[in-house]
Amino acid sequence: QVQLVESGGGLVQPGGLLRLSCAASGRLFNLYVMGWYRQAPGAERELVAQTTRVDTTKYADSVKGRFTISREKGMSTLYLRMNNMKPEDAAVYYCNVVEFGAHMSWGQGTQVTVSS
């Protein structure tokens, strides 16, 4: 079992910057994938960015060039640096991990609001 706690959400102006963090605890040795998803009101949850234990990364087209995912080497903390934010980036952001064996865990989510 892996526990995830997100932080860093809040209000940011369009064009601004925000960094999210996700602290992971528990069976970290078994983690293979760590990622960020988001869900806006009335929309489905979507993948934002993902990284793996072997440092491959994947981004949604809508955030490429603006968002950067990174993690601590021991997979204890996951980050998402969000630059040049747009109103359409507003959503609840969720941390997600996948273990070897495909067990998945989610954080409780952190709200991101983009507004002037």
C-alpha atoms as a PDB file:
ATOM      1  CA  GLN A   1       0.000   0.000   0.000  1.00  0.00           C
ATOM      2  CA  VAL A   2       1.235   3.486  -0.865  1.00  0.00           C
ATOM      3  CA  GLN A   3      -0.065   6.677   0.699  1.00  0.00           C
ATOM      4  CA  LEU A   4       0.025   9.923  -1.276  1.00  0.00           C
ATOM      5  CA  VAL A   5      -0.395  13.486  -0.055  1.00  0.00           C
ATOM      6  CA  GLU A   6      -0.488  16.358  -2.530  1.00  0.00           C
ATOM      7  CA  SER A   7       0.305  19.977  -1.752  1.00  0.00           C
ATOM      8  CA  GLY A   8       1.015  23.226  -3.545  1.00  0.00           C
ATOM      9  CA  GLY A   9      -2.302  23.946  -5.164  1.00  0.00           C
ATOM     10  CA  GLY A  10      -3.900  27.352  -5.035  1.00  0.00           C
ATOM     11  CA  LEU A  11      -4.784  30.415  -7.020  1.00  0.00           C
ATOM     12  CA  VAL A  12      -2.486  31.618  -9.781  1.00  0.00           C
ATOM     13  CA  GLN A  13      -2.891  34.269 -12.452  1.00  0.00           C
ATOM     14  CA  PRO A  14      -2.809  33.387 -16.147  1.00  0.00           C
ATOM     15  CA  GLY A  15       0.800  33.222 -17.233  1.00  0.00           C
ATOM     16  CA  GLY A  16       1.906  32.446 -13.703  1.00  0.00           C
ATOM     17  CA  LEU A  17       3.778  29.558 -12.162  1.00  0.00           C
ATOM     18  CA  LEU A  18       2.827  26.923  -9.593  1.00  0.00           C
ATOM     19  CA  ARG A  19       4.585  23.838  -8.287  1.00  0.00           C
ATOM     20  CA  LEU A  20       2.747  20.830  -6.947  1.00  0.00           C
ATOM     21  CA  SER A  21       4.283  18.230  -4.672  1.00  0.00           C
ATOM     22  CA  CYS A  22       3.208  14.717  -3.829  1.00  0.00           C
ATOM     23  CA  ALA A  23       4.717  12.985  -0.824  1.00  0.00           C
ATOM     24  CA  ALA A  24       4.635   9.216  -1.075  1.00  0.00           C
ATOM     25  CA  SER A  25       5.050   6.759   1.776  1.00  0.00           C
ATOM     26  CA  GLY A  26       4.735   3.032   2.199  1.00  0.00           C
ATOM     27  CA  ARG A  27       5.834   0.442  -0.347  1.00  0.00           C
ATOM     28  CA  LEU A  28       8.022   2.794  -2.362  1.00  0.00           C
ATOM     29  CA  PHE A  29      10.397   0.052  -3.507  1.00  0.00           C
ATOM     30  CA  ASN A  30       7.564  -1.385  -5.578  1.00  0.00           C
ATOM     31  CA  LEU A  31       6.654   1.791  -7.461  1.00  0.00           C
ATOM     32  CA  TYR A  32       7.122   1.855 -11.201  1.00  0.00           C
ATOM     33  CA  VAL A  33       5.107   4.820 -12.451  1.00  0.00           C
ATOM     34  CA  MET A  34       4.310   8.155 -10.827  1.00  0.00           C
ATOM     35  CA  GLY A  35       2.090  10.696 -12.445  1.00  0.00           C
ATOM     36  CA  TRP A  36      -0.261  13.633 -12.236  1.00  0.00           C
ATOM     37  CA  TYR A  37      -3.839  13.625 -13.425  1.00  0.00           C
ATOM     38  CA  ARG A  38      -6.383  16.418 -13.340  1.00  0.00           C
ATOM     39  CA  GLN A  39     -10.130  16.700 -13.398  1.00  0.00           C
ATOM     40  CA  ALA A  40     -12.050  19.844 -14.203  1.00  0.00           C
ATOM     41  CA  PRO A  41     -15.746  20.234 -13.317  1.00  0.00           C
ATOM     42  CA  GLY A  42     -17.888  18.200 -15.690  1.00  0.00           C
ATOM     43  CA  ALA A  43     -14.875  16.627 -17.357  1.00  0.00           C
ATOM     44  CA  GLU A  44     -13.204  13.256 -17.136  1.00  0.00           C
ATOM     45  CA  ARG A  45      -9.989  12.777 -15.253  1.00  0.00           C
ATOM     46  CA  GLU A  46      -7.079  13.081 -17.656  1.00  0.00           C
ATOM     47  CA  LEU A  47      -3.393  12.334 -17.582  1.00  0.00           C
ATOM     48  CA  VAL A  48      -1.220  15.433 -17.295  1.00  0.00           C
ATOM     49  CA  ALA A  49       2.261  13.973 -16.965  1.00  0.00           C
ATOM     50  CA  GLN A  50       3.908  10.747 -15.978  1.00  0.00           C
ATOM     51  CA  THR A  51       7.377   9.505 -15.114  1.00  0.00           C
ATOM     52  CA  THR A  52       8.774   6.079 -14.429  1.00  0.00           C
ATOM     53  CA  ARG A  53      11.466   4.478 -12.319  1.00  0.00           C
ATOM     54  CA  VAL A  54      13.677   4.406 -15.421  1.00  0.00           C
ATOM     55  CA  ASP A  55      13.044   8.123 -16.019  1.00  0.00           C
ATOM     56  CA  THR A  56      10.897   7.968 -19.094  1.00  0.00           C
ATOM     57  CA  THR A  57       8.349  10.800 -19.193  1.00  0.00           C
ATOM     58  CA  LYS A  58       5.076  11.436 -20.925  1.00  0.00           C
ATOM     59  CA  TYR A  59       3.027  14.628 -21.181  1.00  0.00           C
ATOM     60  CA  ALA A  60      -0.418  15.564 -22.370  1.00  0.00           C
ATOM     61  CA  ASP A  61      -0.180  17.605 -25.559  1.00  0.00           C
ATOM     62  CA  SER A  62      -1.908  20.504 -23.849  1.00  0.00           C
ATOM     63  CA  VAL A  63       0.906  20.921 -21.301  1.00  0.00           C
ATOM     64  CA  LYS A  64       3.996  20.077 -23.333  1.00  0.00           C
ATOM     65  CA  GLY A  65       6.583  22.806 -23.075  1.00  0.00           C
ATOM     66  CA  ARG A  66       4.869  24.370 -20.061  1.00  0.00           C
ATOM     67  CA  PHE A  67       4.791  21.665 -17.392  1.00  0.00           C
ATOM     68  CA  THR A  68       7.698  19.624 -16.067  1.00  0.00           C
ATOM     69  CA  ILE A  69       7.378  16.463 -14.020  1.00  0.00           C
ATOM     70  CA  SER A  70      10.196  15.354 -11.760  1.00  0.00           C
ATOM     71  CA  ARG A  71      10.731  13.131  -8.759  1.00  0.00           C
ATOM     72  CA  GLU A  72      13.135  12.345  -5.979  1.00  0.00           C
ATOM     73  CA  LYS A  73      15.426   9.403  -6.731  1.00  0.00           C
ATOM     74  CA  GLY A  74      13.803   7.168  -4.145  1.00  0.00           C
ATOM     75  CA  MET A  75      10.366   7.959  -5.553  1.00  0.00           C
ATOM     76  CA  SER A  76       9.413   9.505  -2.229  1.00  0.00           C
ATOM     77  CA  THR A  77       8.260  12.789  -3.727  1.00  0.00           C
ATOM     78  CA  LEU A  78       6.803  13.748  -7.063  1.00  0.00           C
ATOM     79  CA  TYR A  79       6.693  17.284  -8.419  1.00  0.00           C
ATOM     80  CA  LEU A  80       4.881  19.110 -11.156  1.00  0.00           C
ATOM     81  CA  ARG A  81       6.181  22.503 -12.159  1.00  0.00           C
ATOM     82  CA  MET A  82       3.563  24.399 -14.107  1.00  0.00           C
ATOM     83  CA  ASN A  83       4.648  27.460 -16.091  1.00  0.00           C
ATOM     84  CA  ASN A  84       2.671  29.876 -18.230  1.00  0.00           C
ATOM     85  CA  MET A  85      -0.562  28.662 -16.764  1.00  0.00           C
ATOM     86  CA  LYS A  86      -3.826  29.040 -18.625  1.00  0.00           C
ATOM     87  CA  PRO A  87      -7.414  29.187 -17.397  1.00  0.00           C
ATOM     88  CA  GLU A  88      -7.978  25.755 -18.920  1.00  0.00           C
ATOM     89  CA  ASP A  89      -5.371  24.321 -16.532  1.00  0.00           C
ATOM     90  CA  ALA A  90      -7.745  24.908 -13.627  1.00  0.00           C
ATOM     91  CA  ALA A  91      -8.746  21.583 -12.106  1.00  0.00           C
ATOM     92  CA  VAL A  92      -8.251  19.299  -9.168  1.00  0.00           C
ATOM     93  CA  TYR A  93      -4.838  17.708  -9.607  1.00  0.00           C
ATOM     94  CA  TYR A  94      -4.298  14.158  -8.391  1.00  0.00           C
ATOM     95  CA  CYS A  95      -1.114  12.289  -7.736  1.00  0.00           C
ATOM     96  CA  ASN A  96      -1.113   8.707  -8.968  1.00  0.00           C
ATOM     97  CA  VAL A  97       1.297   5.819  -8.615  1.00  0.00           C
ATOM     98  CA  VAL A  98       1.388   2.378 -10.124  1.00  0.00           C
ATOM     99  CA  GLU A  99       3.257  -0.485  -8.538  1.00  0.00           C
ATOM    100  CA  PHE A 100       4.805  -3.491 -10.200  1.00  0.00           C
ATOM    101  CA  GLY A 101       1.818  -5.787 -10.402  1.00  0.00           C
ATOM    102  CA  ALA A 102      -0.364  -2.865 -11.540  1.00  0.00           C
ATOM    103  CA  HIS A 103      -1.803  -1.836  -8.177  1.00  0.00           C
ATOM    104  CA  MET A 104      -2.697   1.821  -8.363  1.00  0.00           C
ATOM    105  CA  SER A 105      -3.016   4.454  -5.627  1.00  0.00           C
ATOM    106  CA  TRP A 106      -4.390   8.008  -5.684  1.00  0.00           C
ATOM    107  CA  GLY A 107      -3.919  11.073  -3.571  1.00  0.00           C
ATOM    108  CA  GLN A 108      -6.797  13.144  -2.283  1.00  0.00           C
ATOM    109  CA  GLY A 109      -6.276  15.897  -4.856  1.00  0.00           C
ATOM    110  CA  THR A 110      -5.283  19.544  -4.698  1.00  0.00           C
ATOM    111  CA  GLN A 111      -7.251  22.378  -6.257  1.00  0.00           C
ATOM    112  CA  VAL A 112      -5.602  24.619  -8.835  1.00  0.00           C
ATOM    113  CA  THR A 113      -7.412  27.786  -9.889  1.00  0.00           C
ATOM    114  CA  VAL A 114      -6.181  30.004 -12.719  1.00  0.00           C
ATOM    115  CA  SER A 115      -7.797  33.390 -12.685  1.00  0.00           C
ATOM    116  CA  SER A 116      -6.944  37.062 -12.764  1.00  0.00           C
END
